Amino acid sequence: MRLRNKKWASGWLAEHNDLVIDQERATGLQGNWQTIFEKTQPIHVEIGTGKGQFIIGMAKKYPEINFIGMEIQESAVAVAARKAAEDEAVLPNLKFIFGDGAGVETYFTKGEVAKIFLNFSDPWPKSRHETRRLTYKTFLEGYQSVLPAGGELEFKTDNRGLFEYSLYSFANFGIKFDPAGISLDLHNDAYKMVDNVATEYEEKFSAQGFLIYKFVGSFE
């Protein structure tokens, strides 16, 4: 879902290019992302960060990890980054990329990213749009190209059809399933909810009675 255009977004992003990296600069940072963080730490990337609630929450919860939120919508990334900048917590372990998640391999080198998050991606339910789903095999190839052996993929959705399709896609690709990392009703699993950081959509859909599905697996 696209946000309404924010007239202030372009100017704000230009003034905060230390926090939000544009696509051209991001491509040039391939292999050197640790240089823009205060500390050298594992990098975790969320593709499609939306308004930023998840990635900001993760950066607060895990200061020992460097986080990058990727977003293609200018208004969304501006809202997310401004929210991070105005937060009372200082977050030197958080950056954003204003660019296309389809090209994750153009920004990072093999092993530079330790974990990738896909949260409530567009389900693209029509068969002719299968190749646009972020769990389609060509996207998985991109994730594999930047993750190390054993690197993790975490996926959450409220869409049962997308979840079933994705499990099939993951299995065909050879992603290793962690039985403990699969949930068909995340918000009714007290154990898994202990460390759960919710997105805006996750809170909204759960409150409306939708089940939340989760998968955690690793690339060989």
C-alpha atoms as a PDB file:
ATOM      1  CA  MET A   1       0.000   0.000   0.000  1.00  0.00           C
ATOM      2  CA  ARG A   2       1.413   3.382  -1.028  1.00  0.00           C
ATOM      3  CA  LEU A   3       1.469   6.333   1.348  1.00  0.00           C
ATOM      4  CA  ARG A   4       0.106   9.671   0.286  1.00  0.00           C
ATOM      5  CA  ASN A   5       2.796  11.909  -1.132  1.00  0.00           C
ATOM      6  CA  LYS A   6       4.574  13.899   1.568  1.00  0.00           C
ATOM      7  CA  LYS A   7       5.572  17.296   0.160  1.00  0.00           C
ATOM      8  CA  TRP A   8       8.302  17.632   2.740  1.00  0.00           C
ATOM      9  CA  ALA A   9       9.885  14.226   2.032  1.00  0.00           C
ATOM     10  CA  SER A  10      12.341  15.121  -0.738  1.00  0.00           C
ATOM     11  CA  GLY A  11      13.804  18.094   1.089  1.00  0.00           C
ATOM     12  CA  TRP A  12      14.015  16.248   4.398  1.00  0.00           C
ATOM     13  CA  LEU A  13      15.831  13.313   2.797  1.00  0.00           C
ATOM     14  CA  ALA A  14      18.340  15.651   1.159  1.00  0.00           C
ATOM     15  CA  GLU A  15      19.105  17.170   4.559  1.00  0.00           C
ATOM     16  CA  HIS A  16      19.529  13.766   6.229  1.00  0.00           C
ATOM     17  CA  ASN A  17      21.635  11.874   3.710  1.00  0.00           C
ATOM     18  CA  ASP A  18      23.764  10.548   6.545  1.00  0.00           C
ATOM     19  CA  LEU A  19      20.762   8.546   7.769  1.00  0.00           C
ATOM     20  CA  VAL A  20      19.072   7.779   4.449  1.00  0.00           C
ATOM     21  CA  ILE A  21      21.385   6.572   1.695  1.00  0.00           C
ATOM     22  CA  ASP A  22      20.121   7.129  -1.848  1.00  0.00           C
ATOM     23  CA  GLN A  23      20.374   4.426  -4.477  1.00  0.00           C
ATOM     24  CA  GLU A  24      23.461   5.819  -6.234  1.00  0.00           C
ATOM     25  CA  ARG A  25      25.477   6.121  -3.041  1.00  0.00           C
ATOM     26  CA  ALA A  26      24.201   2.779  -1.760  1.00  0.00           C
ATOM     27  CA  THR A  27      25.516   1.032  -4.861  1.00  0.00           C
ATOM     28  CA  GLY A  28      28.907   2.629  -4.270  1.00  0.00           C
ATOM     29  CA  LEU A  29      28.986   1.350  -0.690  1.00  0.00           C
ATOM     30  CA  GLN A  30      28.906  -2.291  -1.800  1.00  0.00           C
ATOM     31  CA  GLY A  31      31.384  -4.154   0.384  1.00  0.00           C
ATOM     32  CA  ASN A  32      31.960  -1.136   2.636  1.00  0.00           C
ATOM     33  CA  TRP A  33      28.772  -0.714   4.658  1.00  0.00           C
ATOM     34  CA  GLN A  34      30.550  -1.097   7.968  1.00  0.00           C
ATOM     35  CA  THR A  35      32.344   2.202   7.317  1.00  0.00           C
ATOM     36  CA  ILE A  36      29.155   4.243   7.811  1.00  0.00           C
ATOM     37  CA  PHE A  37      28.281   2.682  11.164  1.00  0.00           C
ATOM     38  CA  GLU A  38      29.787   3.626  14.507  1.00  0.00           C
ATOM     39  CA  LYS A  39      30.720   0.007  15.279  1.00  0.00           C
ATOM     40  CA  THR A  40      31.600  -3.013  13.152  1.00  0.00           C
ATOM     41  CA  GLN A  41      28.745  -5.437  13.845  1.00  0.00           C
ATOM     42  CA  PRO A  42      26.610  -7.966  11.929  1.00  0.00           C
ATOM     43  CA  ILE A  43      24.280  -6.288   9.424  1.00  0.00           C
ATOM     44  CA  HIS A  44      20.585  -7.185   9.240  1.00  0.00           C
ATOM     45  CA  VAL A  45      18.433  -5.816   6.400  1.00  0.00           C
ATOM     46  CA  GLU A  46      14.674  -5.351   6.164  1.00  0.00           C
ATOM     47  CA  ILE A  47      13.394  -5.194   2.587  1.00  0.00           C
ATOM     48  CA  GLY A  48      10.312  -2.999   2.379  1.00  0.00           C
ATOM     49  CA  THR A  49      10.635  -1.198   5.700  1.00  0.00           C
ATOM     50  CA  GLY A  50       7.459   0.866   5.298  1.00  0.00           C
ATOM     51  CA  LYS A  51       6.958   3.447   8.065  1.00  0.00           C
ATOM     52  CA  GLY A  52       9.794   1.946  10.085  1.00  0.00           C
ATOM     53  CA  GLN A  53       8.225   0.616  13.269  1.00  0.00           C
ATOM     54  CA  PHE A  54       9.889  -2.806  12.967  1.00  0.00           C
ATOM     55  CA  ILE A  55      13.404  -1.715  12.009  1.00  0.00           C
ATOM     56  CA  ILE A  56      13.459   1.039  14.649  1.00  0.00           C
ATOM     57  CA  GLY A  57      12.219  -1.407  17.274  1.00  0.00           C
ATOM     58  CA  MET A  58      14.896  -3.921  16.282  1.00  0.00           C
ATOM     59  CA  ALA A  59      17.661  -1.297  16.397  1.00  0.00           C
ATOM     60  CA  LYS A  60      16.585  -0.384  19.942  1.00  0.00           C
ATOM     61  CA  LYS A  61      16.299  -3.984  21.091  1.00  0.00           C
ATOM     62  CA  TYR A  62      19.591  -5.192  19.584  1.00  0.00           C
ATOM     63  CA  PRO A  63      22.265  -2.459  19.781  1.00  0.00           C
ATOM     64  CA  GLU A  64      24.896  -5.105  19.031  1.00  0.00           C
ATOM     65  CA  ILE A  65      23.560  -5.406  15.453  1.00  0.00           C
ATOM     66  CA  ASN A  66      23.643  -2.848  12.630  1.00  0.00           C
ATOM     67  CA  PHE A  67      20.288  -2.504  10.848  1.00  0.00           C
ATOM     68  CA  ILE A  68      19.396  -1.216   7.392  1.00  0.00           C
ATOM     69  CA  GLY A  69      15.822  -0.585   6.271  1.00  0.00           C
ATOM     70  CA  MET A  70      15.315  -0.640   2.492  1.00  0.00           C
ATOM     71  CA  GLU A  71      12.318   1.154   1.002  1.00  0.00           C
ATOM     72  CA  ILE A  72      11.364   2.117  -2.554  1.00  0.00           C
ATOM     73  CA  GLN A  73       8.681   4.694  -1.661  1.00  0.00           C
ATOM     74  CA  GLU A  74      10.054   8.159  -0.976  1.00  0.00           C
ATOM     75  CA  SER A  75       7.266   9.157   1.415  1.00  0.00           C
ATOM     76  CA  ALA A  76       7.536   5.913   3.378  1.00  0.00           C
ATOM     77  CA  VAL A  77      11.294   6.056   3.848  1.00  0.00           C
ATOM     78  CA  ALA A  78      11.070   9.716   4.830  1.00  0.00           C
ATOM     79  CA  VAL A  79       8.408   8.956   7.459  1.00  0.00           C
ATOM     80  CA  ALA A  80      10.455   6.029   8.803  1.00  0.00           C
ATOM     81  CA  ALA A  81      13.725   7.920   8.932  1.00  0.00           C
ATOM     82  CA  ARG A  82      12.186  11.020  10.515  1.00  0.00           C
ATOM     83  CA  LYS A  83      10.582   8.786  13.131  1.00  0.00           C
ATOM     84  CA  ALA A  84      14.019   7.316  13.886  1.00  0.00           C
ATOM     85  CA  ALA A  85      15.688  10.737  13.964  1.00  0.00           C
ATOM     86  CA  GLU A  86      13.082  12.123  16.369  1.00  0.00           C
ATOM     87  CA  ASP A  87      13.059   9.093  18.658  1.00  0.00           C
ATOM     88  CA  GLU A  88      14.368   9.685  22.164  1.00  0.00           C
ATOM     89  CA  ALA A  89      16.787   6.803  21.704  1.00  0.00           C
ATOM     90  CA  VAL A  90      20.084   7.422  19.926  1.00  0.00           C
ATOM     91  CA  LEU A  91      20.415   4.787  17.188  1.00  0.00           C
ATOM     92  CA  PRO A  92      23.904   4.779  15.648  1.00  0.00           C
ATOM     93  CA  ASN A  93      23.191   1.196  14.477  1.00  0.00           C
ATOM     94  CA  LEU A  94      20.403   2.190  12.068  1.00  0.00           C
ATOM     95  CA  LYS A  95      20.487   3.400   8.449  1.00  0.00           C
ATOM     96  CA  PHE A  96      18.012   3.433   5.571  1.00  0.00           C
ATOM     97  CA  ILE A  97      18.342   2.875   1.834  1.00  0.00           C
ATOM     98  CA  PHE A  98      15.985   4.733  -0.484  1.00  0.00           C
ATOM     99  CA  GLY A  99      16.126   2.257  -3.361  1.00  0.00           C
ATOM    100  CA  ASP A 100      14.733  -0.858  -5.014  1.00  0.00           C
ATOM    101  CA  GLY A 101      14.762  -4.045  -2.916  1.00  0.00           C
ATOM    102  CA  ALA A 102      14.799  -6.095  -6.116  1.00  0.00           C
ATOM    103  CA  GLY A 103      18.460  -5.174  -6.493  1.00  0.00           C
ATOM    104  CA  VAL A 104      19.721  -6.136  -3.034  1.00  0.00           C
ATOM    105  CA  GLU A 105      22.751  -7.773  -4.624  1.00  0.00           C
ATOM    106  CA  THR A 106      23.750  -4.430  -6.199  1.00  0.00           C
ATOM    107  CA  TYR A 107      24.219  -2.934  -2.733  1.00  0.00           C
ATOM    108  CA  PHE A 108      25.936  -5.719  -0.808  1.00  0.00           C
ATOM    109  CA  THR A 109      28.673  -8.280  -1.376  1.00  0.00           C
ATOM    110  CA  LYS A 110      28.544 -11.960  -0.482  1.00  0.00           C
ATOM    111  CA  GLY A 111      28.407 -12.396   3.280  1.00  0.00           C
ATOM    112  CA  GLU A 112      28.071  -8.683   4.005  1.00  0.00           C
ATOM    113  CA  VAL A 113      24.522  -9.198   5.295  1.00  0.00           C
ATOM    114  CA  ALA A 114      23.879 -11.727   8.074  1.00  0.00           C
ATOM    115  CA  LYS A 115      20.065 -11.752   7.991  1.00  0.00           C
ATOM    116  CA  ILE A 116      17.195 -10.506   5.810  1.00  0.00           C
ATOM    117  CA  PHE A 117      13.673  -9.667   6.951  1.00  0.00           C
ATOM    118  CA  LEU A 118      10.578  -9.685   4.726  1.00  0.00           C
ATOM    119  CA  ASN A 119       7.586  -8.291   6.583  1.00  0.00           C
ATOM    120  CA  PHE A 120       4.061  -8.176   5.139  1.00  0.00           C
ATOM    121  CA  SER A 121       5.198  -7.973   1.537  1.00  0.00           C
ATOM    122  CA  ASP A 122       2.675  -7.344  -1.233  1.00  0.00           C
ATOM    123  CA  PRO A 123       1.133 -10.794  -1.936  1.00  0.00           C
ATOM    124  CA  TRP A 124       0.617 -10.170  -5.660  1.00  0.00           C
ATOM    125  CA  PRO A 125      -2.196 -12.786  -5.661  1.00  0.00           C
ATOM    126  CA  LYS A 126      -2.683 -13.103  -9.422  1.00  0.00           C
ATOM    127  CA  SER A 127      -0.703 -15.907 -11.055  1.00  0.00           C
ATOM    128  CA  ARG A 128       0.633 -13.634 -13.776  1.00  0.00           C
ATOM    129  CA  HIS A 129       2.292 -11.511 -11.083  1.00  0.00           C
ATOM    130  CA  GLU A 130       4.142 -14.409  -9.421  1.00  0.00           C
ATOM    131  CA  THR A 131       7.553 -13.052 -10.406  1.00  0.00           C
ATOM    132  CA  ARG A 132       6.888  -9.875  -8.386  1.00  0.00           C
ATOM    133  CA  ARG A 133       6.520 -11.705  -5.080  1.00  0.00           C
ATOM    134  CA  LEU A 134       9.535 -11.128  -2.846  1.00  0.00           C
ATOM    135  CA  THR A 135       9.679 -14.869  -2.148  1.00  0.00           C
ATOM    136  CA  TYR A 136       9.898 -15.810  -5.847  1.00  0.00           C
ATOM    137  CA  LYS A 137      13.040 -17.716  -6.837  1.00  0.00           C
ATOM    138  CA  THR A 138      14.801 -14.787  -8.524  1.00  0.00           C
ATOM    139  CA  PHE A 139      14.515 -12.737  -5.340  1.00  0.00           C
ATOM    140  CA  LEU A 140      15.757 -15.702  -3.317  1.00  0.00           C
ATOM    141  CA  GLU A 141      18.801 -15.852  -5.598  1.00  0.00           C
ATOM    142  CA  GLY A 142      19.483 -12.220  -4.755  1.00  0.00           C
ATOM    143  CA  TYR A 143      19.229 -12.841  -1.024  1.00  0.00           C
ATOM    144  CA  GLN A 144      21.516 -15.851  -1.295  1.00  0.00           C
ATOM    145  CA  SER A 145      24.089 -13.745  -3.125  1.00  0.00           C
ATOM    146  CA  VAL A 146      24.535 -11.398  -0.161  1.00  0.00           C
ATOM    147  CA  LEU A 147      24.072 -13.805   2.761  1.00  0.00           C
ATOM    148  CA  PRO A 148      26.808 -16.126   4.056  1.00  0.00           C
ATOM    149  CA  ALA A 149      26.303 -19.879   4.269  1.00  0.00           C
ATOM    150  CA  GLY A 150      23.844 -20.279   7.100  1.00  0.00           C
ATOM    151  CA  GLY A 151      22.533 -16.731   6.691  1.00  0.00           C
ATOM    152  CA  GLU A 152      18.933 -16.344   7.780  1.00  0.00           C
ATOM    153  CA  LEU A 153      15.723 -15.241   6.104  1.00  0.00           C
ATOM    154  CA  GLU A 154      12.795 -14.223   8.325  1.00  0.00           C
ATOM    155  CA  PHE A 155       9.366 -13.783   6.742  1.00  0.00           C
ATOM    156  CA  LYS A 156       6.070 -12.640   8.274  1.00  0.00           C
ATOM    157  CA  THR A 157       2.683 -12.194   6.620  1.00  0.00           C
ATOM    158  CA  ASP A 158      -1.037 -12.237   7.322  1.00  0.00           C
ATOM    159  CA  ASN A 159      -1.756 -13.695   3.860  1.00  0.00           C
ATOM    160  CA  ARG A 160      -2.251 -17.481   4.025  1.00  0.00           C
ATOM    161  CA  GLY A 161      -1.965 -17.887   0.255  1.00  0.00           C
ATOM    162  CA  LEU A 162       1.351 -16.038   0.137  1.00  0.00           C
ATOM    163  CA  PHE A 163       2.638 -17.999   3.115  1.00  0.00           C
ATOM    164  CA  GLU A 164       1.809 -21.358   1.503  1.00  0.00           C
ATOM    165  CA  TYR A 165       3.325 -20.242  -1.813  1.00  0.00           C
ATOM    166  CA  SER A 166       6.450 -19.035  -0.021  1.00  0.00           C
ATOM    167  CA  LEU A 167       6.966 -22.276   1.886  1.00  0.00           C
ATOM    168  CA  TYR A 168       6.820 -24.109  -1.448  1.00  0.00           C
ATOM    169  CA  SER A 169       9.230 -21.620  -3.008  1.00  0.00           C
ATOM    170  CA  PHE A 170      11.647 -21.889  -0.074  1.00  0.00           C
ATOM    171  CA  ALA A 171      11.586 -25.690  -0.199  1.00  0.00           C
ATOM    172  CA  ASN A 172      12.232 -25.771  -3.948  1.00  0.00           C
ATOM    173  CA  PHE A 173      15.130 -23.373  -3.521  1.00  0.00           C
ATOM    174  CA  GLY A 174      16.708 -25.524  -0.846  1.00  0.00           C
ATOM    175  CA  ILE A 175      16.326 -23.161   2.087  1.00  0.00           C
ATOM    176  CA  LYS A 176      16.773 -25.049   5.339  1.00  0.00           C
ATOM    177  CA  PHE A 177      13.614 -25.087   7.440  1.00  0.00           C
ATOM    178  CA  ASP A 178      13.826 -24.553  11.180  1.00  0.00           C
ATOM    179  CA  PRO A 179      10.680 -26.214  12.617  1.00  0.00           C
ATOM    180  CA  ALA A 180      10.903 -23.996  15.687  1.00  0.00           C
ATOM    181  CA  GLY A 181      10.898 -20.950  13.406  1.00  0.00           C
ATOM    182  CA  ILE A 182       7.566 -21.686  11.717  1.00  0.00           C
ATOM    183  CA  SER A 183       4.340 -20.375  13.197  1.00  0.00           C
ATOM    184  CA  LEU A 184       0.791 -20.563  11.828  1.00  0.00           C
ATOM    185  CA  ASP A 185      -0.560 -18.297  14.568  1.00  0.00           C
ATOM    186  CA  LEU A 186       2.310 -16.201  15.866  1.00  0.00           C
ATOM    187  CA  HIS A 187       0.334 -13.950  18.183  1.00  0.00           C
ATOM    188  CA  ASN A 188      -1.103 -16.898  20.076  1.00  0.00           C
ATOM    189  CA  ASP A 189       2.319 -18.449  20.644  1.00  0.00           C
ATOM    190  CA  ALA A 190       3.510 -16.996  23.946  1.00  0.00           C
ATOM    191  CA  TYR A 191       7.027 -18.394  23.548  1.00  0.00           C
ATOM    192  CA  LYS A 192       7.593 -16.867  20.097  1.00  0.00           C
ATOM    193  CA  MET A 193       6.015 -13.565  21.105  1.00  0.00           C
ATOM    194  CA  VAL A 194       8.578 -12.936  23.851  1.00  0.00           C
ATOM    195  CA  ASP A 195      11.101 -11.455  21.391  1.00  0.00           C
ATOM    196  CA  ASN A 196       8.672 -10.446  18.648  1.00  0.00           C
ATOM    197  CA  VAL A 197       8.927  -6.906  17.299  1.00  0.00           C
ATOM    198  CA  ALA A 198       5.736  -6.064  15.426  1.00  0.00           C
ATOM    199  CA  THR A 199       5.253  -3.976  12.306  1.00  0.00           C
ATOM    200  CA  GLU A 200       2.436  -1.464  11.866  1.00  0.00           C
ATOM    201  CA  TYR A 201       0.578  -3.865   9.565  1.00  0.00           C
ATOM    202  CA  GLU A 202       1.114  -6.745  11.973  1.00  0.00           C
ATOM    203  CA  GLU A 203      -0.545  -4.876  14.828  1.00  0.00           C
ATOM    204  CA  LYS A 204      -3.397  -3.732  12.595  1.00  0.00           C
ATOM    205  CA  PHE A 205      -4.152  -7.128  11.064  1.00  0.00           C
ATOM    206  CA  SER A 206      -3.809  -9.012  14.337  1.00  0.00           C
ATOM    207  CA  ALA A 207      -6.232  -6.602  16.024  1.00  0.00           C
ATOM    208  CA  GLN A 208      -8.692  -7.343  13.208  1.00  0.00           C
ATOM    209  CA  GLY A 209      -8.502 -11.054  13.954  1.00  0.00           C
ATOM    210  CA  PHE A 210      -6.173 -12.141  11.140  1.00  0.00           C
ATOM    211  CA  LEU A 211      -3.652 -14.887  11.877  1.00  0.00           C
ATOM    212  CA  ILE A 212      -0.001 -13.913  11.591  1.00  0.00           C
ATOM    213  CA  TYR A 213       2.308 -16.429   9.898  1.00  0.00           C
ATOM    214  CA  LYS A 214       6.055 -16.563  10.404  1.00  0.00           C
ATOM    215  CA  PHE A 215       8.962 -18.442   8.838  1.00  0.00           C
ATOM    216  CA  VAL A 216      12.654 -18.476   9.746  1.00  0.00           C
ATOM    217  CA  GLY A 217      15.049 -20.461   7.588  1.00  0.00           C
ATOM    218  CA  SER A 218      18.650 -20.419   6.412  1.00  0.00           C
ATOM    219  CA  PHE A 219      20.540 -20.639   3.130  1.00  0.00           C
ATOM    220  CA  GLU A 220      23.075 -23.404   2.664  1.00  0.00           C
END
